[in-house]
Structure formats: structure tokens, C-alpha cells
C-alpha atoms as a PDB file:
ATOM      1  CA  MET A   1     169.727 -10.530  13.079  1.00  0.00           C
ATOM      2  CA  LYS A   2     172.185 -13.093  14.042  1.00  0.00           C
ATOM      3  CA  MET A   3     169.535 -14.839  16.012  1.00  0.00           C
ATOM      4  CA  ARG A   4     167.214 -14.869  13.081  1.00  0.00           C
ATOM      5  CA  THR A   5     169.921 -16.178  10.851  1.00  0.00           C
ATOM      6  CA  LEU A   6     170.822 -18.811  13.380  1.00  0.00           C
ATOM      7  CA  ALA A   7     167.150 -19.817  13.780  1.00  0.00           C
ATOM      8  CA  ALA A   8     166.725 -19.957  10.022  1.00  0.00           C
ATOM      9  CA  ALA A   9     169.870 -22.042   9.660  1.00  0.00           C
ATOM     10  CA  LEU A  10     168.740 -24.434  12.403  1.00  0.00           C
ATOM     11  CA  THR A  11     165.310 -24.677  10.801  1.00  0.00           C
ATOM     12  CA  ALA A  12     166.898 -25.375   7.433  1.00  0.00           C
ATOM     13  CA  ILE A  13     169.125 -28.086   8.963  1.00  0.00           C
ATOM     14  CA  ALA A  14     166.110 -29.652  10.743  1.00  0.00           C
ATOM     15  CA  LEU A  15     164.073 -29.489   7.572  1.00  0.00           C
ATOM     16  CA  ALA A  16     166.891 -31.033   5.531  1.00  0.00           C
ATOM     17  CA  THR A  17     167.307 -33.816   8.102  1.00  0.00           C
ATOM     18  CA  THR A  18     163.539 -34.452   8.087  1.00  0.00           C
ATOM     19  CA  LEU A  19     163.449 -34.514   4.302  1.00  0.00           C
ATOM     20  CA  ALA A  20     166.432 -36.846   4.185  1.00  0.00           C
ATOM     21  CA  ALA A  21     164.767 -39.177   6.683  1.00  0.00           C
ATOM     22  CA  CYS A  22     161.521 -39.045   4.736  1.00  0.00           C
ATOM     23  CA  GLY A  23     163.397 -39.665   1.506  1.00  0.00           C
ATOM     24  CA  GLN A  24     165.093 -42.726   2.975  1.00  0.00           C
ATOM     25  CA  GLN A  25     161.796 -43.995   4.397  1.00  0.00           C
ATOM     26  CA  ALA A  26     160.108 -43.387   1.047  1.00  0.00           C
ATOM     27  CA  GLN A  27     162.908 -45.292  -0.682  1.00  0.00           C
ATOM     28  CA  GLU A  28     162.492 -48.201   1.758  1.00  0.00           C
ATOM     29  CA  SER A  29     158.733 -48.190   1.144  1.00  0.00           C
ATOM     30  CA  ALA A  30     159.346 -48.161  -2.600  1.00  0.00           C
ATOM     31  CA  GLU A  31     161.708 -51.146  -2.256  1.00  0.00           C
ATOM     32  CA  LYS A  32     159.108 -53.034  -0.204  1.00  0.00           C
ATOM     33  CA  ALA A  33     156.427 -52.227  -2.776  1.00  0.00           C
ATOM     34  CA  LYS A  34     158.722 -53.345  -5.581  1.00  0.00           C
ATOM     35  CA  GLU A  35     159.439 -56.604  -3.729  1.00  0.00           C
ATOM     36  CA  ALA A  36     155.702 -57.187  -3.131  1.00  0.00           C
ATOM     37  CA  ALA A  37     154.962 -56.499  -6.797  1.00  0.00           C
ATOM     38  CA  SER A  38     157.680 -58.959  -7.817  1.00  0.00           C
ATOM     39  CA  LYS A  39     156.199 -61.630  -5.533  1.00  0.00           C
ATOM     40  CA  ALA A  40     152.719 -60.954  -6.948  1.00  0.00           C
ATOM     41  CA  ALA A  41     154.044 -61.258 -10.505  1.00  0.00           C
ATOM     42  CA  GLU A  42     155.751 -64.542  -9.627  1.00  0.00           C
ATOM     43  CA  ALA A  43     152.552 -65.859  -8.016  1.00  0.00           C
ATOM     44  CA  THR A  44     150.558 -64.829 -11.092  1.00  0.00           C
ATOM     45  CA  LYS A  45     153.073 -66.589 -13.324  1.00  0.00           C
ATOM     46  CA  ASP A  46     152.851 -69.757 -11.194  1.00  0.00           C
ATOM     47  CA  ALA A  47     149.047 -69.626 -11.242  1.00  0.00           C
ATOM     48  CA  ALA A  48     149.008 -69.232 -15.028  1.00  0.00           C
ATOM     49  CA  LYS A  49     151.394 -72.162 -15.381  1.00  0.00           C
ATOM     50  CA  ALA A  50     149.258 -74.317 -13.060  1.00  0.00           C
ATOM     51  CA  THR A  51     146.119 -73.340 -14.988  1.00  0.00           C
ATOM     52  CA  MET A  52     147.790 -74.235 -18.280  1.00  0.00           C
ATOM     53  CA  GLU A  53     148.911 -77.616 -16.926  1.00  0.00           C
ATOM     54  CA  ALA A  54     145.422 -78.339 -15.562  1.00  0.00           C
ATOM     55  CA  ALA A  55     143.832 -77.424 -18.903  1.00  0.00           C
ATOM     56  CA  LYS A  56     146.375 -79.575 -20.738  1.00  0.00           C
ATOM     57  CA  ASP A  57     145.681 -82.543 -18.435  1.00  0.00           C
ATOM     58  CA  ALA A  58     141.912 -82.081 -18.737  1.00  0.00           C
ATOM     59  CA  THR A  59     142.160 -81.912 -22.533  1.00  0.00           C
ATOM     60  CA  LYS A  60     144.283 -85.057 -22.664  1.00  0.00           C
ATOM     61  CA  GLU A  61     141.882 -86.884 -20.338  1.00  0.00           C
ATOM     62  CA  ALA A  62     138.902 -85.821 -22.438  1.00  0.00           C
ATOM     63  CA  ALA A  63     140.662 -86.945 -25.624  1.00  0.00           C
ATOM     64  CA  ASP A  64     141.526 -90.305 -24.028  1.00  0.00           C
ATOM     65  CA  LYS A  65     137.920 -90.808 -22.908  1.00  0.00           C
ATOM     66  CA  ALA A  66     136.643 -89.874 -26.367  1.00  0.00           C
ATOM     67  CA  ALA A  67     139.041 -92.351 -27.968  1.00  0.00           C
ATOM     68  CA  ALA A  68     137.937 -95.079 -25.558  1.00  0.00           C
ATOM     69  CA  ALA A  69     134.273 -94.337 -26.288  1.00  0.00           C
ATOM     70  CA  ALA A  70     134.932 -94.432 -30.028  1.00  0.00           C
ATOM     71  CA  SER A  71     136.736 -97.747 -29.644  1.00  0.00           C
ATOM     72  CA  THR A  72     133.842 -99.161 -27.626  1.00  0.00           C
ATOM     73  CA  ALA A  73     131.381 -97.953 -30.249  1.00  0.00           C
ATOM     74  CA  ALA A  74     133.475 -99.514 -33.013  1.00  0.00           C
ATOM     75  CA  ASP A  75     133.587-102.807 -31.109  1.00  0.00           C
ATOM     76  CA  ALA A  76     129.823-102.693 -30.619  1.00  0.00           C
ATOM     77  CA  ALA A  77     129.312-102.003 -34.326  1.00  0.00           C
ATOM     78  CA  LYS A  78     131.629-104.891 -35.201  1.00  0.00           C
ATOM     79  CA  ASP A  79     129.724-107.209 -32.861  1.00  0.00           C
ATOM     80  CA  ALA A  80     126.406-106.059 -34.320  1.00  0.00           C
ATOM     81  CA  THR A  81     127.721-106.703 -37.833  1.00  0.00           C
ATOM     82  CA  LYS A  82     128.798-110.216 -36.837  1.00  0.00           C
ATOM     83  CA  ALA A  83     125.415-110.889 -35.251  1.00  0.00           C
ATOM     84  CA  ALA A  84     123.609-109.594 -38.345  1.00  0.00           C
ATOM     85  CA  ALA A  85     125.783-111.757 -40.605  1.00  0.00           C
ATOM     86  CA  ALA A  86     125.079-114.821 -38.464  1.00  0.00           C
ATOM     87  CA  ALA A  87     121.353-114.069 -38.470  1.00  0.00           C
ATOM     88  CA  THR A  88     121.416-113.620 -42.262  1.00  0.00           C
ATOM     89  CA  LYS A  89     123.284-116.906 -42.672  1.00  0.00           C
ATOM     90  CA  ASP A  90     120.786-118.711 -40.424  1.00  0.00           C
ATOM     91  CA  ALA A  91     117.849-117.171 -42.305  1.00  0.00           C
ATOM     92  CA  ALA A  92     119.347-118.174 -45.677  1.00  0.00           C
ATOM     93  CA  LYS A  93     119.910-121.738 -44.418  1.00  0.00           C
ATOM     94  CA  SER A  94     116.351-121.919 -43.129  1.00  0.00           C
ATOM     95  CA  ALA A  95     115.019-120.601 -46.441  1.00  0.00           C
ATOM     96  CA  THR A  96     117.154-123.096 -48.361  1.00  0.00           C
ATOM     97  CA  ASP A  97     115.948-125.962 -46.160  1.00  0.00           C
ATOM     98  CA  ALA A  98     112.333-124.887 -46.549  1.00  0.00           C
ATOM     99  CA  THR A  99     112.724-124.626 -50.331  1.00  0.00           C
ATOM    100  CA  LYS A 100     114.328-128.072 -50.483  1.00  0.00           C
ATOM    101  CA  GLU A 101     111.554-129.589 -48.359  1.00  0.00           C
ATOM    102  CA  ALA A 102     108.903-127.951 -50.554  1.00  0.00           C
ATOM    103  CA  ALA A 103     110.645-129.170 -53.725  1.00  0.00           C
ATOM    104  CA  ASP A 104     110.959-132.705 -52.302  1.00  0.00           C
ATOM    105  CA  LYS A 105     107.270-132.719 -51.353  1.00  0.00           C
ATOM    106  CA  ALA A 106     106.294-131.361 -54.769  1.00  0.00           C
ATOM    107  CA  ALA A 107     108.424-134.036 -56.477  1.00  0.00           C
ATOM    108  CA  ALA A 108     106.914-136.760 -54.280  1.00  0.00           C
ATOM    109  CA  ASP A 109     103.393-135.482 -54.999  1.00  0.00           C
ATOM    110  CA  ALA A 110     104.165-135.319 -58.731  1.00  0.00           C
ATOM    111  CA  LYS A 111     105.534-138.894 -58.673  1.00  0.00           C
ATOM    112  CA  ALA A 112     102.482-140.114 -56.795  1.00  0.00           C
ATOM    113  CA  ALA A 113     100.225-138.371 -59.300  1.00  0.00           C
ATOM    114  CA  ALA A 114     102.209-139.840 -62.189  1.00  0.00           C
ATOM    115  CA  ASP A 115     101.981-143.283 -60.608  1.00  0.00           C
ATOM    116  CA  LYS A 116      98.229-142.892 -60.225  1.00  0.00           C
ATOM    117  CA  ALA A 117      97.945-141.699 -63.816  1.00  0.00           C
ATOM    118  CA  THR A 118     100.020-144.652 -65.004  1.00  0.00           C
ATOM    119  CA  THR A 119      97.883-147.063 -62.994  1.00  0.00           C
ATOM    120  CA  ALA A 120      94.716-145.445 -64.262  1.00  0.00           C
ATOM    121  CA  ALA A 121      95.981-145.613 -67.844  1.00  0.00           C
ATOM    122  CA  LYS A 122      96.907-149.264 -67.376  1.00  0.00           C
ATOM    123  CA  ASP A 123      93.501-150.030 -65.903  1.00  0.00           C
ATOM    124  CA  ALA A 124      91.837-148.225 -68.766  1.00  0.00           C
ATOM    125  CA  ALA A 125      93.900-150.148 -71.283  1.00  0.00           C
ATOM    126  CA  ASP A 126      93.056-153.422 -69.573  1.00  0.00           C
ATOM    127  CA  ALA A 127      89.402-152.497 -69.477  1.00  0.00           C
ATOM    128  CA  ALA A 128      89.493-151.626 -73.159  1.00  0.00           C
ATOM    129  CA  LYS A 129      90.983-155.039 -73.986  1.00  0.00           C
ATOM    130  CA  LYS A 130      88.181-156.876 -72.257  1.00  0.00           C
END
């Protein structure tokens, strides 16, 4: 019985040593896993920050381009308004000149007709005297 007891005790000591070694190895593996998880979390955090910065930069760039396009469109509209105003002014001047020329011609024609009528009346009066 002593032998059995001794064998059982040695087996128990071997088993305890094995379990202790496994427990320490398991603890080391857990530490490594924890460290890897921490690094992964840090990398995820950095990636999220980089993504946020990229989105922020892209949004700012898009807003700047939109503002520049709006400014260009406003300048084009202003230039078109100036051109339209100049064209309207030129058209009004041309219309005024044409109206003045027509009025001058009409006045000249009316004077010529009046002169002819006066001459004709004078001739008629002279003819009536004779």
C-alpha cells in the first residue's frame, strides 16, 4: 500500500506541476492575446481618425470648389448683365437716331411740300390777276 500511496502522491505532484505549467502558459497566452487586442484597438482607432480627417478634408475641398464655381457663375452673370445693358443702350441709341432721322426727313418733306404749295398758291394768285 505504501507503494500505491507513493505512486499516487508522485502522480498528484506531477499532475499539479503540469497544471501549474499549463496555467502559467495559459496566462502568458492570455497576456499576448490581450496585447494583440490592444494593438488592434489602437489600429482601429487610428484608422477611424484617419478616415475622419480624410472625410473632413474632402468635404472642405468640395465646399471650396462649390464656392469657386458659384463665384465664377456670379461673375459670368454679372458680365452677361453688363453686356445686355450695353446692347440695350446701343439699341436705344440706334432707335433714337433712326427716329430723329425719320423726323428730320418728314420735316424736310413737309417743308418742301409747303414751299411747293406756297409757290403754287402764288402762281395761282398771279394767274388770277392777269
